[in-house]
Each structure stands twice: as structure tokens, then as C-alpha cells.
Amino acid sequence: DNSSETLASPADKQQAPRFGRAPTRRPPTSPWMPLPMLFAAISTKVPRSDMDVIHGHYEEFKRRKISRPEFVRRLRQIVGDKLLVSTVVRLQPKVVAPMAGAEVLPRGAPGTGGSSTS
């Protein structure tokens, strides 16, 4: 199980054009959300048969059989945006709180993989 997969990722910054519209390049506005955490939260509100389908799509995504945008499209179609948004908003404090104490190193600092300019 790859629990580091998230609903929003830097790769989602670019959306496919829609009928003459230029692609938008916006960062995700939803907080980082581990998909297994999201699935656990929606599982009490979604029929078991739908959760089985969602888990099947998630397995396809993890095996790279479908793309992230395709997985998200399928998830939204099954669950609905209203439930997804309310769940992410409800879980946001639980996701952000563990990250609050994390040390953030500046770019180029030792251990970050970036090159130092000093």
C-alpha cells in the first residue's frame, strides 16, 4: 500500500484544456490528504459496493494502469464533490496538526538535496 499518494499533488497544477480554454496553472487549493485517510473517512458515508469500486480504481492507479487525473475523475463521479469537499475540510486539522511541528529547512540547506549558494 502506497499511503504517500495524495488527492492533490504538484503534478495536478496543470489541467487539460476545455473547449478553447487555455490550461490553468494553479496549485491545488485543498490540503495534502493521504488517500487512505480520505477513503477511511468517506467509507461510513458511501455504500460498501462503491467503496469496493473505489479501491479497485485506486489499485489501478497504484499500478499505473490509469492516470491520477483519471483516478480523481472516477472518484469524484462515484462520491461527488460535495462529500469530498466536506470530508477534506473536516479532516484538514488532523492532517495539518502533525505537520505543524515539522522542521522546515531552507533551500540549499544540508540534507535537502539542493545546492548551497553560500
C-alpha atoms as a PDB file:
ATOM      1  CA  ASP A   1       0.000   0.000   0.000  1.00  0.00           C
ATOM      2  CA  ASN A   2       1.429   3.344  -1.004  1.00  0.00           C
ATOM      3  CA  SER A   3      -0.036   5.662   1.623  1.00  0.00           C
ATOM      4  CA  SER A   4       2.012   8.610   0.376  1.00  0.00           C
ATOM      5  CA  GLU A   5      -0.344   9.058  -2.575  1.00  0.00           C
ATOM      6  CA  THR A   6      -2.461  12.183  -2.195  1.00  0.00           C
ATOM      7  CA  LEU A   7      -5.559  13.639  -3.746  1.00  0.00           C
ATOM      8  CA  ALA A   8      -3.766  16.840  -4.740  1.00  0.00           C
ATOM      9  CA  SER A   9      -0.203  16.830  -5.997  1.00  0.00           C
ATOM     10  CA  PRO A  10       2.176  19.187  -7.790  1.00  0.00           C
ATOM     11  CA  ALA A  11       1.511  17.189 -10.959  1.00  0.00           C
ATOM     12  CA  ASP A  12      -2.123  18.350 -10.805  1.00  0.00           C
ATOM     13  CA  LYS A  13      -1.149  22.004 -11.214  1.00  0.00           C
ATOM     14  CA  GLN A  14      -1.842  21.808 -14.910  1.00  0.00           C
ATOM     15  CA  GLN A  15      -5.348  20.955 -16.112  1.00  0.00           C
ATOM     16  CA  ALA A  16      -6.300  19.766 -19.571  1.00  0.00           C
ATOM     17  CA  PRO A  17      -7.784  22.490 -21.793  1.00  0.00           C
ATOM     18  CA  ARG A  18     -11.564  22.564 -22.016  1.00  0.00           C
ATOM     19  CA  PHE A  19     -13.057  23.608 -25.321  1.00  0.00           C
ATOM     20  CA  GLY A  20     -10.914  26.572 -26.255  1.00  0.00           C
ATOM     21  CA  ARG A  21      -9.792  27.482 -22.763  1.00  0.00           C
ATOM     22  CA  ALA A  22      -6.093  27.731 -22.019  1.00  0.00           C
ATOM     23  CA  PRO A  23      -4.852  25.331 -19.349  1.00  0.00           C
ATOM     24  CA  THR A  24      -4.817  26.830 -15.871  1.00  0.00           C
ATOM     25  CA  ARG A  25      -1.663  26.582 -13.831  1.00  0.00           C
ATOM     26  CA  ARG A  26      -2.904  26.821 -10.286  1.00  0.00           C
ATOM     27  CA  PRO A  27      -1.553  24.941  -7.311  1.00  0.00           C
ATOM     28  CA  PRO A  28      -4.039  22.688  -5.549  1.00  0.00           C
ATOM     29  CA  THR A  29      -6.125  24.597  -3.017  1.00  0.00           C
ATOM     30  CA  SER A  30      -7.006  21.567  -0.930  1.00  0.00           C
ATOM     31  CA  PRO A  31      -4.614  20.489   1.813  1.00  0.00           C
ATOM     32  CA  TRP A  32      -2.312  17.488   1.386  1.00  0.00           C
ATOM     33  CA  MET A  33      -4.524  14.489   2.005  1.00  0.00           C
ATOM     34  CA  PRO A  34      -3.336  10.873   2.137  1.00  0.00           C
ATOM     35  CA  LEU A  35      -5.801   8.881   0.041  1.00  0.00           C
ATOM     36  CA  PRO A  36      -6.117   6.009   2.554  1.00  0.00           C
ATOM     37  CA  MET A  37      -7.135   8.582   5.191  1.00  0.00           C
ATOM     38  CA  LEU A  38      -9.718  10.036   2.807  1.00  0.00           C
ATOM     39  CA  PHE A  39     -11.065   6.563   1.979  1.00  0.00           C
ATOM     40  CA  ALA A  40     -11.432   5.723   5.680  1.00  0.00           C
ATOM     41  CA  ALA A  41     -13.334   8.948   6.276  1.00  0.00           C
ATOM     42  CA  ILE A  42     -15.771   8.522   3.381  1.00  0.00           C
ATOM     43  CA  SER A  43     -16.291   4.788   3.921  1.00  0.00           C
ATOM     44  CA  THR A  44     -19.005   5.427   6.511  1.00  0.00           C
ATOM     45  CA  LYS A  45     -20.945   7.594   4.070  1.00  0.00           C
ATOM     46  CA  VAL A  46     -20.505   5.616   0.836  1.00  0.00           C
ATOM     47  CA  PRO A  47     -22.077   2.207   0.150  1.00  0.00           C
ATOM     48  CA  ARG A  48     -19.673  -0.733   0.525  1.00  0.00           C
ATOM     49  CA  SER A  49     -20.131  -1.644  -3.143  1.00  0.00           C
ATOM     50  CA  ASP A  50     -18.988   1.857  -4.164  1.00  0.00           C
ATOM     51  CA  MET A  51     -16.002   1.660  -1.798  1.00  0.00           C
ATOM     52  CA  ASP A  52     -15.042  -1.648  -3.436  1.00  0.00           C
ATOM     53  CA  VAL A  53     -15.105   0.071  -6.845  1.00  0.00           C
ATOM     54  CA  ILE A  54     -13.049   2.997  -5.471  1.00  0.00           C
ATOM     55  CA  HIS A  55     -10.444   0.608  -4.045  1.00  0.00           C
ATOM     56  CA  GLY A  56     -10.305  -1.167  -7.413  1.00  0.00           C
ATOM     57  CA  HIS A  57      -9.660   2.136  -9.191  1.00  0.00           C
ATOM     58  CA  TYR A  58      -7.041   3.019  -6.561  1.00  0.00           C
ATOM     59  CA  GLU A  59      -5.233  -0.267  -7.224  1.00  0.00           C
ATOM     60  CA  GLU A  60      -5.275   0.512 -10.961  1.00  0.00           C
ATOM     61  CA  PHE A  61      -3.825   3.952 -10.189  1.00  0.00           C
ATOM     62  CA  LYS A  62      -1.074   2.497  -7.979  1.00  0.00           C
ATOM     63  CA  ARG A  63      -0.169   0.002 -10.734  1.00  0.00           C
ATOM     64  CA  ARG A  64      -0.079   2.902 -13.212  1.00  0.00           C
ATOM     65  CA  LYS A  65      -2.924   1.449 -15.270  1.00  0.00           C
ATOM     66  CA  ILE A  66      -4.802   4.751 -15.008  1.00  0.00           C
ATOM     67  CA  SER A  67      -3.511   8.297 -14.534  1.00  0.00           C
ATOM     68  CA  ARG A  68      -4.017  10.450 -11.446  1.00  0.00           C
ATOM     69  CA  PRO A  69      -6.493  12.748 -13.246  1.00  0.00           C
ATOM     70  CA  GLU A  70      -8.462   9.688 -14.401  1.00  0.00           C
ATOM     71  CA  PHE A  71      -8.489   8.265 -10.864  1.00  0.00           C
ATOM     72  CA  VAL A  72      -9.678  11.579  -9.423  1.00  0.00           C
ATOM     73  CA  ARG A  73     -12.359  11.854 -12.130  1.00  0.00           C
ATOM     74  CA  ARG A  74     -13.668   8.394 -11.248  1.00  0.00           C
ATOM     75  CA  LEU A  75     -13.558   9.123  -7.511  1.00  0.00           C
ATOM     76  CA  ARG A  76     -15.473  12.380  -7.978  1.00  0.00           C
ATOM     77  CA  GLN A  77     -18.031  10.634 -10.168  1.00  0.00           C
ATOM     78  CA  ILE A  78     -18.690   7.936  -7.553  1.00  0.00           C
ATOM     79  CA  VAL A  79     -18.522  10.018  -4.367  1.00  0.00           C
ATOM     80  CA  GLY A  80     -19.479  13.502  -5.522  1.00  0.00           C
ATOM     81  CA  ASP A  81     -17.718  16.792  -4.980  1.00  0.00           C
ATOM     82  CA  LYS A  82     -19.926  17.820  -2.060  1.00  0.00           C
ATOM     83  CA  LEU A  83     -18.927  14.837   0.091  1.00  0.00           C
ATOM     84  CA  LEU A  84     -15.273  15.033  -0.962  1.00  0.00           C
ATOM     85  CA  VAL A  85     -15.003  18.737  -0.135  1.00  0.00           C
ATOM     86  CA  SER A  86     -16.787  18.405   3.218  1.00  0.00           C
ATOM     87  CA  THR A  87     -14.577  15.443   4.144  1.00  0.00           C
ATOM     88  CA  VAL A  88     -11.330  17.209   3.225  1.00  0.00           C
ATOM     89  CA  VAL A  89     -12.395  20.316   5.166  1.00  0.00           C
ATOM     90  CA  ARG A  90     -13.339  18.186   8.193  1.00  0.00           C
ATOM     91  CA  LEU A  91     -10.029  16.277   8.095  1.00  0.00           C
ATOM     92  CA  GLN A  92      -7.804  19.296   7.395  1.00  0.00           C
ATOM     93  CA  PRO A  93      -6.952  19.994  11.076  1.00  0.00           C
ATOM     94  CA  LYS A  94      -5.995  16.322  11.525  1.00  0.00           C
ATOM     95  CA  VAL A  95      -3.630  16.469   8.549  1.00  0.00           C
ATOM     96  CA  VAL A  96      -2.123  19.888   9.268  1.00  0.00           C
ATOM     97  CA  ALA A  97      -1.595  19.374  13.031  1.00  0.00           C
ATOM     98  CA  PRO A  98       1.075  16.626  12.714  1.00  0.00           C
ATOM     99  CA  MET A  99       2.918  18.770  10.174  1.00  0.00           C
ATOM    100  CA  ALA A 100       2.917  21.890  12.415  1.00  0.00           C
ATOM    101  CA  GLY A 101       5.919  20.743  14.458  1.00  0.00           C
ATOM    102  CA  ALA A 102       7.948  19.627  11.462  1.00  0.00           C
ATOM    103  CA  GLU A 103      11.194  21.475  10.887  1.00  0.00           C
ATOM    104  CA  VAL A 104      11.366  23.185   7.501  1.00  0.00           C
ATOM    105  CA  LEU A 105      14.834  23.631   6.064  1.00  0.00           C
ATOM    106  CA  PRO A 106      15.582  26.445   3.596  1.00  0.00           C
ATOM    107  CA  ARG A 107      16.527  25.500   0.039  1.00  0.00           C
ATOM    108  CA  GLY A 108      20.164  24.589  -0.282  1.00  0.00           C
ATOM    109  CA  ALA A 109      20.472  23.623   3.375  1.00  0.00           C
ATOM    110  CA  PRO A 110      22.395  20.424   4.081  1.00  0.00           C
ATOM    111  CA  GLY A 111      20.194  17.385   3.791  1.00  0.00           C
ATOM    112  CA  THR A 112      17.651  18.960   1.426  1.00  0.00           C
ATOM    113  CA  GLY A 113      19.264  17.845  -1.795  1.00  0.00           C
ATOM    114  CA  GLY A 114      19.515  21.412  -3.080  1.00  0.00           C
ATOM    115  CA  SER A 115      22.738  23.184  -3.882  1.00  0.00           C
ATOM    116  CA  SER A 116      24.081  25.749  -1.477  1.00  0.00           C
ATOM    117  CA  THR A 117      24.758  29.246  -2.813  1.00  0.00           C
ATOM    118  CA  SER A 118      26.826  30.469   0.155  1.00  0.00           C
END
